[in-house]
Amino acid sequence: MRTFDFTHPSNKTLLALGPESAGNFSIFRKNKIYFSEDFGDLLDDTNYQRYKREAFKYLKKNNLKPDIIITDLHPLYKSTALGQTLSKKYKTRYIQTQHHLAHIFSAIGDKMISDKLGLEFANRDLRDAIGIALDGTGYGLDGKIWGGEIFSIQAPDFKNKKDDAEFKIKRIGKLENQTLLGGDLAIREPARFLLAILNKFTDKNALRARMKKFYSEKEFEVLLNQLRQNFNCQETSSAGRVIDAVSILLGFAENTRQRKHEAADILEKNSAAPRKKISPEIIYSRQEKLRILQTTPLFEYLVENMPSGKKNRERLSAAAQFYIARGLYKIVREHYSDSKHNKKFKKSPIIGRKSIFAAGGISNNKIISAYLESKGAYVSKKIPRGDAGLSVGQIFCCLLTDPRN
């Protein structure tokens, strides 16, 4: 177990059980956070049994009874089911934390740990903060699959706070929803996700030709019918799935998934500095109070400019990753510009002293993270940015946002 010092007035013991795809757990007790290793995908029963065994072993060895148990919001995660079971066993309080908020609070916690900051940091720097979640998939507050999200975070005035003072966290932006054709199968076969995007602006013959590399004529017809009937299809705003689809469209990744982030890693590896003329226009729309970065126009641009030479494809690869980073940052700028007390930030290339945190597995992408860091965003240095560090984020989200803790 790794140990982090974090001074907090709570005298409670918190147990956070993390996500499912990278099993990890954390415990907060007496100003210390104890953080486990990554046990791997908990869908693998061997991994899950080891993860559960080590969690029970640590609690028993240290004679700990959790006062609060925290899990992901996803109702079908094994870690969620375990948390529900343990909360009944210990007769203790049970909390579920949205996946991407946990990622963002993991980055916030990382900064507090790395810079040895106390709760005054929240009072000073989280009064008007932004969290950017760049991830594969996570269960959203609306029951849909999220993965490319922007949240505004407003901490209460801790110095003068009342007992009922709470954090105000609001989703203000996201990536355009695209279709997971076949649900989780579209994660293992990125061409399914690509097919659903291309179908929006490509005729059937051209689409068939594009998919010929991945599917037989019969398979293509079945998939297209499934898409058009919206059978076993889910919407997602996932940044990870978009990156995977770009990777397979440009011919860098295969239509398989041997490991997590494989297609994204291959895309980043096959990226060159983009030229100004290879730079798609950022397009976003408004839906109620959400700003939505459109990703379909990105794929239209890539198809129109698709060359045969590898060097040009490498420039398009980088351009696509910059499109996501620049597009999300544009939403952040527009958000601050809309605020009456933030008019001075409208012309600034960097959002002054505002606190911006980027987190999630795709924030490991050097092209995307370097761009966001150049604009003042903070990404984790000690805690893993992806799911392997999620349980720490659950701890920080619980300690910082809920006055009962």
Foldseek 3Di string as FASTA:
>chain_A
DDKFFADFPDQFKEKEFFFAQFTWIWIDHDRMIDTDFTLGHVVPVVSVVVSVVVVVVVCVVVVHQGQEYEYAPDPPGPSNVVSVVSCVVSVHHYYHDWQQLLLQLLLVVLVCRVVVHHPVCCLPFLQWAKEFFAAAWTQDPVRATEGTWMKTWHADNVVPDDLPGFIDIDTQEFADKFKQQQPCLCVFFLVLRLLRLVVVPDDPVVSCVQCVVPDPPVVVVVSVVCSVVVPNMGIYRHNLSLLLSLLVSLPQDHRGDPDPCPSNVSLLVLADAADPVLADDWDWDDDPRYIYTYCSVLVVSCVVPRDPDSHVSNNSSLNSLVSSLVNVVVSVLVVQCPDPVRVVSNPPQASPSHEYEYAEDCCVRCSNVVVVVVNPYGYRDPAHRHSRRSNVSSVSCVSRGNSVD
